[in-house]
Amino acid sequence: MSLLELFKMGGLFMWPLLFFSVATVAIVIERALFIFRHNLRLGDVREQCLSYIQERNIAEAGRYLQTLLNRRLGSRILLAMIKRHNLSESRMEKAAEAEALSCINSLENGFNFLTALSSLAPLTGFLGTVSGMIGAFKSIAEATEVNAQIVANGIYEALITTVFGLIIAIIAMSAHILFTHVTDKFAAEVEITCSDLATEIAATGKMEGP
């Protein structure tokens, strides 16, 4: 049986489920491309910046981070701190925290929609099933002769929307868990990196800025 035939059998509630499925796939693809485009690794950037700081060449560290702004999201956070290297360690870290919050918010765009879709899709599917069951039992009540095939066919068609709703919910929830894990890992790495750089800058002393 083709998907089109299943869609027709599912009835009216397959239309909102179709919308939910398209929205889920679109959000997942968009978030995956965003994360891929903005490389979230910080290990190599951290080592390079530490090298410049230890050489007391903060200006070069700033220029290096400037070249990475378009393709490395973490460079925005480190640059915000580097630009304030002449301030106290706590103020440098606060500047980095503010920029990190902005970056993490950009990473989390669409996460709320995935959460909503993972809840709405199965509920809509279940509503479609209940509606289908009402129609099935109505047909049974109106039939002069009732047999197992009539009952089974009605329930079979009614359950289609629940299956589609659960599939959409599983995809949305799995994507949300994966993206949240990536974001949390990035946030933890940013925190460690900023702390290391701030400590190194404070230990090295005042330097000429970018």
N, C-alpha and C. Protein backbone atom coordinates (compact mmCIF):
# COMPACT_ATOMS: atom_id res chain seq x y z
N MET A 1 0.85 -1.20 0.00
CA MET A 1 0.00 0.00 0.00
C MET A 1 0.88 1.25 0.00
N SER A 2 0.59 2.18 -0.90
CA SER A 2 1.41 3.39 -1.01
C SER A 2 1.09 4.39 0.10
N LEU A 3 1.99 5.37 0.28
CA LEU A 3 1.77 6.41 1.27
C LEU A 3 0.53 7.24 0.95
N LEU A 4 0.30 7.44 -0.35
CA LEU A 4 -0.88 8.21 -0.76
C LEU A 4 -2.16 7.50 -0.35
N GLU A 5 -2.18 6.19 -0.52
CA GLU A 5 -3.36 5.42 -0.13
C GLU A 5 -3.56 5.47 1.39
N LEU A 6 -2.47 5.35 2.14
CA LEU A 6 -2.55 5.45 3.59
C LEU A 6 -3.03 6.83 4.03
N PHE A 7 -2.54 7.85 3.30
CA PHE A 7 -2.95 9.23 3.61
C PHE A 7 -4.45 9.40 3.42
N LYS A 8 -4.96 8.88 2.34
CA LYS A 8 -6.40 8.97 2.08
C LYS A 8 -7.21 8.20 3.12
N MET A 9 -6.72 7.06 3.52
CA MET A 9 -7.42 6.24 4.51
C MET A 9 -7.43 6.92 5.88
N GLY A 10 -6.38 7.72 6.17
CA GLY A 10 -6.29 8.37 7.47
C GLY A 10 -7.32 9.45 7.70
N GLY A 11 -7.84 10.00 6.62
CA GLY A 11 -8.91 10.98 6.75
C GLY A 11 -8.43 12.41 6.94
N LEU A 12 -9.31 13.23 7.45
CA LEU A 12 -9.09 14.68 7.56
C LEU A 12 -7.88 15.03 8.42
N PHE A 13 -7.64 14.27 9.47
CA PHE A 13 -6.56 14.61 10.40
C PHE A 13 -5.17 14.33 9.84
N MET A 14 -5.10 13.72 8.67
CA MET A 14 -3.79 13.53 8.04
C MET A 14 -3.24 14.84 7.51
N TRP A 15 -4.09 15.82 7.25
CA TRP A 15 -3.60 17.11 6.74
C TRP A 15 -2.77 17.88 7.76
N PRO A 16 -3.25 18.03 9.01
CA PRO A 16 -2.37 18.67 9.99
C PRO A 16 -1.11 17.85 10.27
N LEU A 17 -1.24 16.52 10.19
CA LEU A 17 -0.05 15.69 10.38
C LEU A 17 0.95 15.88 9.24
N LEU A 18 0.45 16.10 8.04
CA LEU A 18 1.33 16.39 6.91
C LEU A 18 2.08 17.71 7.15
N PHE A 19 1.35 18.71 7.63
CA PHE A 19 1.99 20.00 7.96
C PHE A 19 3.05 19.82 9.04
N PHE A 20 2.72 19.05 10.09
CA PHE A 20 3.68 18.83 11.17
C PHE A 20 4.93 18.10 10.67
N SER A 21 4.73 17.14 9.76
CA SER A 21 5.88 16.39 9.25
C SER A 21 6.79 17.28 8.42
N VAL A 22 6.20 18.13 7.58
CA VAL A 22 7.01 19.05 6.77
C VAL A 22 7.76 20.04 7.67
N ALA A 23 7.06 20.57 8.69
CA ALA A 23 7.69 21.51 9.61
C ALA A 23 8.84 20.86 10.37
N THR A 24 8.64 19.62 10.80
CA THR A 24 9.68 18.90 11.54
C THR A 24 10.92 18.69 10.69
N VAL A 25 10.72 18.21 9.48
CA VAL A 25 11.85 17.96 8.58
C VAL A 25 12.58 19.26 8.24
N ALA A 26 11.82 20.32 8.00
CA ALA A 26 12.42 21.62 7.67
C ALA A 26 13.28 22.14 8.81
N ILE A 27 12.76 22.07 10.04
CA ILE A 27 13.51 22.56 11.20
C ILE A 27 14.76 21.72 11.43
N VAL A 28 14.63 20.41 11.33
CA VAL A 28 15.78 19.52 11.54
C VAL A 28 16.88 19.82 10.52
N ILE A 29 16.52 19.94 9.26
CA ILE A 29 17.51 20.22 8.21
C ILE A 29 18.15 21.58 8.42
N GLU A 30 17.33 22.60 8.73
CA GLU A 30 17.86 23.95 8.93
C GLU A 30 18.83 24.02 10.10
N ARG A 31 18.47 23.36 11.23
CA ARG A 31 19.35 23.37 12.41
C ARG A 31 20.63 22.58 12.14
N ALA A 32 20.52 21.46 11.45
CA ALA A 32 21.70 20.66 11.13
C ALA A 32 22.67 21.45 10.25
N LEU A 33 22.14 22.14 9.25
CA LEU A 33 22.98 22.94 8.37
C LEU A 33 23.61 24.10 9.13
N PHE A 34 22.86 24.72 10.03
CA PHE A 34 23.39 25.84 10.82
C PHE A 34 24.57 25.37 11.69
N ILE A 35 24.39 24.24 12.36
CA ILE A 35 25.45 23.72 13.21
C ILE A 35 26.66 23.30 12.39
N PHE A 36 26.41 22.69 11.23
CA PHE A 36 27.52 22.27 10.37
C PHE A 36 28.29 23.48 9.82
N ARG A 37 27.53 24.53 9.45
CA ARG A 37 28.15 25.72 8.87
C ARG A 37 28.97 26.50 9.91
N HIS A 38 28.49 26.54 11.16
CA HIS A 38 29.19 27.24 12.23
C HIS A 38 29.91 26.21 13.09
N ASN A 39 31.04 25.76 12.60
CA ASN A 39 31.84 24.75 13.30
C ASN A 39 31.93 25.07 14.79
N LEU A 40 31.46 24.17 15.65
CA LEU A 40 31.39 24.45 17.08
C LEU A 40 32.62 23.99 17.85
N ARG A 41 33.58 23.38 17.17
CA ARG A 41 34.79 22.95 17.87
C ARG A 41 35.61 24.17 18.30
N LEU A 42 36.19 24.09 19.50
CA LEU A 42 36.97 25.21 20.03
C LEU A 42 38.40 24.82 20.39
N GLY A 43 38.72 23.55 20.35
CA GLY A 43 40.03 23.09 20.79
C GLY A 43 41.18 23.77 20.07
N ASP A 44 41.15 23.77 18.73
CA ASP A 44 42.24 24.36 17.96
C ASP A 44 42.29 25.87 18.12
N VAL A 45 41.11 26.51 18.20
CA VAL A 45 41.06 27.97 18.39
C VAL A 45 41.64 28.34 19.76
N ARG A 46 41.28 27.56 20.76
CA ARG A 46 41.79 27.80 22.11
C ARG A 46 43.31 27.73 22.15
N GLU A 47 43.87 26.69 21.54
CA GLU A 47 45.32 26.51 21.57
C GLU A 47 46.04 27.65 20.84
N GLN A 48 45.48 28.08 19.71
CA GLN A 48 46.11 29.15 18.95
C GLN A 48 46.07 30.47 19.72
N CYS A 49 44.92 30.76 20.34
CA CYS A 49 44.79 32.00 21.13
C CYS A 49 45.72 31.99 22.34
N LEU A 50 45.81 30.84 23.01
CA LEU A 50 46.72 30.74 24.14
C LEU A 50 48.16 30.97 23.72
N SER A 51 48.50 30.48 22.54
CA SER A 51 49.86 30.67 22.02
C SER A 51 50.15 32.15 21.81
N TYR A 52 49.21 32.89 21.21
CA TYR A 52 49.39 34.33 20.99
C TYR A 52 49.48 35.08 22.32
N ILE A 53 48.64 34.69 23.27
CA ILE A 53 48.63 35.38 24.57
C ILE A 53 49.94 35.16 25.30
N GLN A 54 50.43 33.93 25.26
CA GLN A 54 51.70 33.63 25.93
C GLN A 54 52.86 34.38 25.29
N GLU A 55 52.72 34.69 24.02
CA GLU A 55 53.73 35.50 23.32
C GLU A 55 53.51 37.00 23.52
N ARG A 56 52.48 37.33 24.34
CA ARG A 56 52.09 38.72 24.62
C ARG A 56 51.70 39.45 23.33
N ASN A 57 51.03 38.73 22.45
CA ASN A 57 50.61 39.29 21.16
C ASN A 57 49.09 39.21 21.06
N ILE A 58 48.41 39.98 21.89
CA ILE A 58 46.96 39.95 21.93
C ILE A 58 46.34 40.48 20.66
N ALA A 59 47.05 41.40 20.00
CA ALA A 59 46.54 41.98 18.75
C ALA A 59 46.42 40.89 17.68
N GLU A 60 47.41 40.01 17.62
CA GLU A 60 47.37 38.93 16.63
C GLU A 60 46.26 37.94 16.95
N ALA A 61 46.02 37.72 18.23
CA ALA A 61 44.92 36.84 18.64
C ALA A 61 43.59 37.41 18.18
N GLY A 62 43.45 38.75 18.32
CA GLY A 62 42.22 39.40 17.87
C GLY A 62 42.03 39.28 16.37
N ARG A 63 43.12 39.47 15.62
CA ARG A 63 43.03 39.37 14.15
C ARG A 63 42.71 37.94 13.72
N TYR A 64 43.30 37.00 14.43
CA TYR A 64 43.04 35.59 14.13
C TYR A 64 41.56 35.25 14.33
N LEU A 65 40.99 35.72 15.42
CA LEU A 65 39.58 35.45 15.70
C LEU A 65 38.67 36.17 14.70
N GLN A 66 39.09 37.34 14.26
CA GLN A 66 38.30 38.08 13.26
C GLN A 66 38.14 37.28 11.98
N THR A 67 39.18 36.56 11.60
CA THR A 67 39.12 35.78 10.35
C THR A 67 38.18 34.58 10.46
N LEU A 68 37.82 34.21 11.70
CA LEU A 68 36.99 33.01 11.90
C LEU A 68 35.53 33.33 12.16
N LEU A 69 35.17 34.61 12.20
CA LEU A 69 33.82 34.99 12.63
C LEU A 69 32.72 34.37 11.80
N ASN A 70 32.94 34.22 10.50
CA ASN A 70 31.87 33.73 9.62
C ASN A 70 31.68 32.22 9.66
N ARG A 71 32.66 31.49 10.17
CA ARG A 71 32.55 30.04 10.12
C ARG A 71 32.78 29.33 11.45
N ARG A 72 33.13 30.06 12.49
CA ARG A 72 33.32 29.46 13.81
C ARG A 72 32.56 30.29 14.85
N LEU A 73 31.44 29.75 15.32
CA LEU A 73 30.58 30.50 16.23
C LEU A 73 31.31 30.89 17.52
N GLY A 74 32.14 30.01 18.02
CA GLY A 74 32.84 30.27 19.26
C GLY A 74 33.81 31.43 19.19
N SER A 75 34.28 31.76 17.98
CA SER A 75 35.23 32.87 17.85
C SER A 75 34.60 34.20 18.26
N ARG A 76 33.29 34.34 18.08
CA ARG A 76 32.61 35.57 18.51
C ARG A 76 32.72 35.76 20.01
N ILE A 77 32.60 34.68 20.74
CA ILE A 77 32.66 34.75 22.20
C ILE A 77 34.07 35.10 22.67
N LEU A 78 35.05 34.42 22.09
CA LEU A 78 36.43 34.67 22.49
C LEU A 78 36.87 36.07 22.10
N LEU A 79 36.41 36.55 20.95
CA LEU A 79 36.78 37.90 20.53
C LEU A 79 36.20 38.95 21.46
N ALA A 80 34.98 38.72 21.94
CA ALA A 80 34.36 39.67 22.88
C ALA A 80 35.20 39.79 24.14
N MET A 81 35.82 38.70 24.55
CA MET A 81 36.67 38.74 25.75
C MET A 81 38.04 39.35 25.44
N ILE A 82 38.61 38.99 24.29
CA ILE A 82 39.93 39.51 23.91
C ILE A 82 39.90 41.03 23.80
N LYS A 83 38.80 41.56 23.25
CA LYS A 83 38.70 43.01 23.08
C LYS A 83 38.70 43.74 24.43
N ARG A 84 38.40 43.04 25.51
CA ARG A 84 38.36 43.65 26.84
C ARG A 84 39.48 43.12 27.72
N HIS A 85 40.60 42.80 27.10
CA HIS A 85 41.72 42.19 27.83
C HIS A 85 42.33 43.11 28.88
N ASN A 86 42.14 44.42 28.72
CA ASN A 86 42.70 45.36 29.69
C ASN A 86 41.82 45.54 30.93
N LEU A 87 40.64 44.93 30.92
CA LEU A 87 39.74 45.01 32.07
C LEU A 87 40.05 43.88 33.05
N SER A 88 39.31 43.84 34.14
CA SER A 88 39.53 42.78 35.13
C SER A 88 39.08 41.43 34.57
N GLU A 89 39.56 40.38 35.21
CA GLU A 89 39.22 39.03 34.75
C GLU A 89 37.72 38.77 34.80
N SER A 90 37.06 39.27 35.86
CA SER A 90 35.63 39.06 36.00
C SER A 90 34.84 39.79 34.91
N ARG A 91 35.30 40.99 34.54
CA ARG A 91 34.60 41.75 33.50
C ARG A 91 34.83 41.13 32.13
N MET A 92 36.00 40.56 31.90
CA MET A 92 36.23 39.84 30.65
C MET A 92 35.29 38.65 30.54
N GLU A 93 35.15 37.93 31.65
CA GLU A 93 34.29 36.75 31.64
C GLU A 93 32.82 37.13 31.47
N LYS A 94 32.42 38.26 32.05
CA LYS A 94 31.04 38.71 31.88
C LYS A 94 30.76 39.08 30.42
N ALA A 95 31.73 39.71 29.76
CA ALA A 95 31.56 40.04 28.34
C ALA A 95 31.43 38.77 27.51
N ALA A 96 32.24 37.77 27.86
CA ALA A 96 32.17 36.49 27.15
C ALA A 96 30.84 35.80 27.41
N GLU A 97 30.33 35.87 28.65
CA GLU A 97 29.05 35.25 28.99
C GLU A 97 27.90 35.87 28.21
N ALA A 98 27.94 37.20 28.07
CA ALA A 98 26.88 37.89 27.32
C ALA A 98 26.88 37.46 25.86
N GLU A 99 28.06 37.37 25.27
CA GLU A 99 28.16 36.95 23.87
C GLU A 99 27.81 35.47 23.73
N ALA A 100 28.20 34.67 24.72
CA ALA A 100 27.88 33.24 24.67
C ALA A 100 26.37 33.02 24.73
N LEU A 101 25.69 33.81 25.54
CA LEU A 101 24.23 33.70 25.63
C LEU A 101 23.58 33.99 24.28
N SER A 102 24.10 35.00 23.58
CA SER A 102 23.57 35.33 22.25
C SER A 102 23.81 34.18 21.27
N CYS A 103 25.01 33.60 21.32
CA CYS A 103 25.35 32.50 20.41
C CYS A 103 24.51 31.26 20.70
N ILE A 104 24.32 30.95 21.97
CA ILE A 104 23.54 29.77 22.34
C ILE A 104 22.07 29.96 21.96
N ASN A 105 21.58 31.19 22.13
CA ASN A 105 20.20 31.46 21.70
C ASN A 105 20.03 31.24 20.20
N SER A 106 21.05 31.63 19.42
CA SER A 106 20.97 31.40 17.97
C SER A 106 21.02 29.91 17.65
N LEU A 107 21.74 29.14 18.46
CA LEU A 107 21.79 27.69 18.25
C LEU A 107 20.45 27.04 18.60
N GLU A 108 19.77 27.60 19.58
CA GLU A 108 18.53 26.99 20.07
C GLU A 108 17.29 27.46 19.32
N ASN A 109 17.44 28.26 18.29
CA ASN A 109 16.29 28.66 17.47
C ASN A 109 15.61 27.41 16.90
N GLY A 110 14.32 27.32 17.09
CA GLY A 110 13.58 26.18 16.55
C GLY A 110 13.42 25.03 17.53
N PHE A 111 14.17 25.05 18.65
CA PHE A 111 14.08 23.95 19.60
C PHE A 111 12.68 23.88 20.22
N ASN A 112 12.10 25.04 20.52
CA ASN A 112 10.76 25.06 21.09
C ASN A 112 9.72 24.49 20.13
N PHE A 113 9.93 24.74 18.83
CA PHE A 113 9.01 24.20 17.83
C PHE A 113 9.10 22.67 17.79
N LEU A 114 10.33 22.14 17.91
CA LEU A 114 10.50 20.69 17.92
C LEU A 114 9.80 20.07 19.13
N THR A 115 9.91 20.76 20.28
CA THR A 115 9.23 20.27 21.48
C THR A 115 7.72 20.27 21.29
N ALA A 116 7.21 21.38 20.71
CA ALA A 116 5.77 21.48 20.48
C ALA A 116 5.29 20.42 19.49
N LEU A 117 6.06 20.21 18.43
CA LEU A 117 5.68 19.22 17.42
C LEU A 117 5.68 17.80 17.99
N SER A 118 6.65 17.52 18.88
CA SER A 118 6.71 16.18 19.47
C SER A 118 5.52 15.92 20.39
N SER A 119 4.85 16.98 20.83
CA SER A 119 3.65 16.82 21.65
C SER A 119 2.37 16.86 20.81
N LEU A 120 2.33 17.81 19.86
CA LEU A 120 1.12 17.99 19.07
C LEU A 120 0.86 16.84 18.09
N ALA A 121 1.93 16.32 17.48
CA ALA A 121 1.75 15.27 16.47
C ALA A 121 1.05 14.03 17.01
N PRO A 122 1.51 13.43 18.12
CA PRO A 122 0.79 12.24 18.61
C PRO A 122 -0.61 12.55 19.12
N LEU A 123 -0.80 13.75 19.69
CA LEU A 123 -2.14 14.11 20.14
C LEU A 123 -3.10 14.24 18.96
N THR A 124 -2.60 14.85 17.87
CA THR A 124 -3.42 14.97 16.67
C THR A 124 -3.71 13.60 16.08
N GLY A 125 -2.70 12.74 16.07
CA GLY A 125 -2.89 11.39 15.57
C GLY A 125 -3.91 10.62 16.40
N PHE A 126 -3.82 10.78 17.71
CA PHE A 126 -4.78 10.10 18.58
C PHE A 126 -6.18 10.64 18.38
N LEU A 127 -6.29 11.96 18.18
CA LEU A 127 -7.59 12.56 17.91
C LEU A 127 -8.18 12.01 16.62
N GLY A 128 -7.32 11.84 15.61
CA GLY A 128 -7.78 11.25 14.36
C GLY A 128 -8.25 9.82 14.54
N THR A 129 -7.54 9.09 15.41
CA THR A 129 -7.93 7.71 15.70
C THR A 129 -9.28 7.65 16.40
N VAL A 130 -9.48 8.52 17.39
CA VAL A 130 -10.75 8.55 18.10
C VAL A 130 -11.89 8.90 17.14
N SER A 131 -11.63 9.89 16.27
CA SER A 131 -12.64 10.27 15.29
C SER A 131 -12.96 9.10 14.35
N GLY A 132 -11.90 8.40 13.92
CA GLY A 132 -12.10 7.24 13.05
C GLY A 132 -12.86 6.12 13.75
N MET A 133 -12.56 5.92 15.04
CA MET A 133 -13.25 4.88 15.80
C MET A 133 -14.73 5.21 15.95
N ILE A 134 -15.03 6.49 16.13
CA ILE A 134 -16.44 6.90 16.21
C ILE A 134 -17.17 6.53 14.93
N GLY A 135 -16.51 6.84 13.79
CA GLY A 135 -17.11 6.50 12.49
C GLY A 135 -17.25 5.00 12.31
N ALA A 136 -16.22 4.24 12.79
CA ALA A 136 -16.26 2.78 12.64
C ALA A 136 -17.40 2.18 13.45
N PHE A 137 -17.55 2.63 14.69
CA PHE A 137 -18.63 2.09 15.52
C PHE A 137 -20.00 2.54 15.04
N LYS A 138 -20.03 3.72 14.41
CA LYS A 138 -21.30 4.18 13.83
C LYS A 138 -21.71 3.24 12.69
N SER A 139 -20.71 2.87 11.87
CA SER A 139 -20.99 1.95 10.76
C SER A 139 -21.44 0.59 11.29
N ILE A 140 -20.81 0.15 12.36
CA ILE A 140 -21.18 -1.14 12.97
C ILE A 140 -22.62 -1.08 13.49
N ALA A 141 -22.95 0.06 14.12
CA ALA A 141 -24.30 0.21 14.68
C ALA A 141 -25.36 0.21 13.59
N GLU A 142 -25.00 0.73 12.43
CA GLU A 142 -25.98 0.83 11.34
C GLU A 142 -26.04 -0.44 10.50
N ALA A 143 -25.03 -1.31 10.66
CA ALA A 143 -24.99 -2.53 9.85
C ALA A 143 -26.01 -3.54 10.35
N THR A 144 -26.62 -4.25 9.41
CA THR A 144 -27.61 -5.29 9.79
C THR A 144 -26.89 -6.55 10.27
N GLU A 145 -25.70 -6.79 9.71
CA GLU A 145 -24.91 -7.93 10.15
C GLU A 145 -23.51 -7.45 10.49
N VAL A 146 -23.02 -7.82 11.63
CA VAL A 146 -21.68 -7.41 12.10
C VAL A 146 -20.75 -8.61 12.08
N ASN A 147 -19.60 -8.44 11.46
CA ASN A 147 -18.60 -9.50 11.49
C ASN A 147 -17.24 -8.90 11.84
N ALA A 148 -16.28 -9.78 12.09
CA ALA A 148 -14.95 -9.34 12.54
C ALA A 148 -14.26 -8.45 11.50
N GLN A 149 -14.51 -8.68 10.22
CA GLN A 149 -13.86 -7.91 9.17
C GLN A 149 -14.29 -6.45 9.20
N ILE A 150 -15.59 -6.22 9.44
CA ILE A 150 -16.07 -4.84 9.51
C ILE A 150 -15.39 -4.09 10.66
N VAL A 151 -15.32 -4.75 11.83
CA VAL A 151 -14.70 -4.14 13.02
C VAL A 151 -13.22 -3.90 12.77
N ALA A 152 -12.52 -4.90 12.23
CA ALA A 152 -11.07 -4.81 12.01
C ALA A 152 -10.73 -3.71 11.02
N ASN A 153 -11.48 -3.62 9.93
CA ASN A 153 -11.20 -2.59 8.92
C ASN A 153 -11.36 -1.19 9.50
N GLY A 154 -12.40 -0.99 10.29
CA GLY A 154 -12.62 0.33 10.88
C GLY A 154 -11.51 0.73 11.82
N ILE A 155 -11.09 -0.21 12.67
CA ILE A 155 -10.01 0.07 13.62
C ILE A 155 -8.69 0.26 12.88
N TYR A 156 -8.46 -0.54 11.85
CA TYR A 156 -7.22 -0.45 11.04
C TYR A 156 -7.06 0.94 10.44
N GLU A 157 -8.12 1.46 9.84
CA GLU A 157 -8.06 2.79 9.23
C GLU A 157 -7.92 3.88 10.29
N ALA A 158 -8.58 3.69 11.44
CA ALA A 158 -8.53 4.70 12.49
C ALA A 158 -7.13 4.84 13.09
N LEU A 159 -6.39 3.75 13.18
CA LEU A 159 -5.08 3.76 13.83
C LEU A 159 -3.97 4.37 12.96
N ILE A 160 -4.25 4.58 11.69
CA ILE A 160 -3.23 5.12 10.78
C ILE A 160 -2.73 6.48 11.26
N THR A 161 -3.64 7.35 11.70
CA THR A 161 -3.22 8.69 12.15
C THR A 161 -2.34 8.60 13.39
N THR A 162 -2.62 7.68 14.28
CA THR A 162 -1.78 7.52 15.47
C THR A 162 -0.36 7.11 15.10
N VAL A 163 -0.25 6.19 14.16
CA VAL A 163 1.07 5.75 13.70
C VAL A 163 1.86 6.92 13.12
N PHE A 164 1.24 7.70 12.25
CA PHE A 164 1.93 8.83 11.64
C PHE A 164 2.30 9.87 12.69
N GLY A 165 1.38 10.11 13.63
CA GLY A 165 1.66 11.08 14.69
C GLY A 165 2.85 10.66 15.54
N LEU A 166 2.93 9.38 15.87
CA LEU A 166 4.04 8.88 16.68
C LEU A 166 5.36 8.94 15.93
N ILE A 167 5.34 8.65 14.64
CA ILE A 167 6.56 8.73 13.84
C ILE A 167 7.10 10.16 13.84
N ILE A 168 6.22 11.13 13.62
CA ILE A 168 6.63 12.54 13.62
C ILE A 168 7.20 12.93 14.98
N ALA A 169 6.52 12.50 16.05
CA ALA A 169 6.97 12.83 17.40
C ALA A 169 8.34 12.24 17.70
N ILE A 170 8.58 11.00 17.27
CA ILE A 170 9.87 10.36 17.51
C ILE A 170 10.99 11.11 16.80
N ILE A 171 10.73 11.52 15.56
CA ILE A 171 11.75 12.26 14.80
C ILE A 171 12.03 13.61 15.46
N ALA A 172 10.97 14.33 15.83
CA ALA A 172 11.14 15.65 16.45
C ALA A 172 11.85 15.55 17.79
N MET A 173 11.47 14.57 18.61
CA MET A 173 12.07 14.42 19.92
C MET A 173 13.53 13.98 19.82
N SER A 174 13.83 13.08 18.91
CA SER A 174 15.20 12.61 18.72
C SER A 174 16.10 13.75 18.27
N ALA A 175 15.61 14.55 17.33
CA ALA A 175 16.39 15.69 16.85
C ALA A 175 16.62 16.70 17.98
N HIS A 176 15.58 16.94 18.77
CA HIS A 176 15.70 17.89 19.89
C HIS A 176 16.75 17.42 20.89
N ILE A 177 16.73 16.14 21.22
CA ILE A 177 17.71 15.59 22.17
C ILE A 177 19.12 15.72 21.61
N LEU A 178 19.31 15.40 20.34
CA LEU A 178 20.62 15.47 19.72
C LEU A 178 21.13 16.90 19.67
N PHE A 179 20.29 17.83 19.21
CA PHE A 179 20.71 19.23 19.11
C PHE A 179 20.99 19.83 20.49
N THR A 180 20.19 19.46 21.48
CA THR A 180 20.41 19.95 22.84
C THR A 180 21.74 19.45 23.38
N HIS A 181 22.06 18.21 23.09
CA HIS A 181 23.35 17.65 23.52
C HIS A 181 24.52 18.42 22.89
N VAL A 182 24.40 18.70 21.60
CA VAL A 182 25.46 19.45 20.90
C VAL A 182 25.61 20.85 21.49
N THR A 183 24.48 21.50 21.77
CA THR A 183 24.51 22.85 22.33
C THR A 183 25.11 22.85 23.74
N ASP A 184 24.72 21.89 24.57
CA ASP A 184 25.25 21.81 25.93
C ASP A 184 26.76 21.55 25.92
N LYS A 185 27.19 20.70 25.01
CA LYS A 185 28.61 20.40 24.90
C LYS A 185 29.39 21.65 24.48
N PHE A 186 28.82 22.41 23.54
CA PHE A 186 29.45 23.65 23.09
C PHE A 186 29.53 24.65 24.24
N ALA A 187 28.45 24.79 25.01
CA ALA A 187 28.43 25.73 26.14
C ALA A 187 29.48 25.37 27.18
N ALA A 188 29.62 24.08 27.47
CA ALA A 188 30.63 23.64 28.44
C ALA A 188 32.04 23.92 27.94
N GLU A 189 32.27 23.69 26.66
CA GLU A 189 33.60 23.95 26.09
C GLU A 189 33.92 25.43 26.07
N VAL A 190 32.91 26.25 25.80
CA VAL A 190 33.10 27.70 25.82
C VAL A 190 33.47 28.16 27.22
N GLU A 191 32.79 27.64 28.21
CA GLU A 191 33.07 28.04 29.60
C GLU A 191 34.51 27.72 30.00
N ILE A 192 34.96 26.53 29.66
CA ILE A 192 36.32 26.12 29.98
C ILE A 192 37.34 26.98 29.24
N THR A 193 37.09 27.19 27.94
CA THR A 193 38.02 27.96 27.11
C THR A 193 38.14 29.41 27.60
N CYS A 194 37.01 30.03 27.88
CA CYS A 194 37.02 31.42 28.35
C CYS A 194 37.73 31.54 29.69
N SER A 195 37.52 30.59 30.56
CA SER A 195 38.20 30.60 31.85
C SER A 195 39.71 30.49 31.68
N ASP A 196 40.14 29.60 30.80
CA ASP A 196 41.58 29.42 30.55
C ASP A 196 42.20 30.68 29.95
N LEU A 197 41.52 31.28 28.97
CA LEU A 197 42.06 32.47 28.33
C LEU A 197 42.12 33.65 29.30
N ALA A 198 41.05 33.81 30.09
CA ALA A 198 41.02 34.92 31.06
C ALA A 198 42.13 34.77 32.08
N THR A 199 42.35 33.55 32.55
CA THR A 199 43.42 33.29 33.52
C THR A 199 44.79 33.58 32.91
N GLU A 200 44.97 33.17 31.67
CA GLU A 200 46.25 33.38 30.98
C GLU A 200 46.52 34.86 30.74
N ILE A 201 45.47 35.58 30.35
CA ILE A 201 45.62 37.02 30.12
C ILE A 201 45.98 37.73 31.41
N ALA A 202 45.30 37.35 32.49
CA ALA A 202 45.57 37.97 33.79
C ALA A 202 47.00 37.66 34.27
N ALA A 203 47.47 36.45 33.99
CA ALA A 203 48.80 36.04 34.42
C ALA A 203 49.90 36.71 33.59
N THR A 204 49.59 36.96 32.32
CA THR A 204 50.59 37.54 31.42
C THR A 204 50.73 39.04 31.65
N GLY A 205 49.63 39.68 32.09
CA GLY A 205 49.69 41.12 32.35
C GLY A 205 49.15 41.91 31.18
N LYS A 206 49.23 43.22 31.28
CA LYS A 206 48.70 44.12 30.27
C LYS A 206 49.45 43.98 28.95
N MET A 207 48.69 43.98 27.87
CA MET A 207 49.27 43.88 26.54
C MET A 207 48.61 44.88 25.62
N GLU A 208 49.24 45.15 24.51
CA GLU A 208 48.63 46.03 23.52
C GLU A 208 47.49 45.29 22.83
N GLY A 209 46.37 46.01 22.65
CA GLY A 209 45.19 45.39 22.05
C GLY A 209 45.24 45.39 20.54
N PRO A 210 44.16 44.83 19.93
CA PRO A 210 44.07 44.78 18.46
C PRO A 210 44.10 46.16 17.86
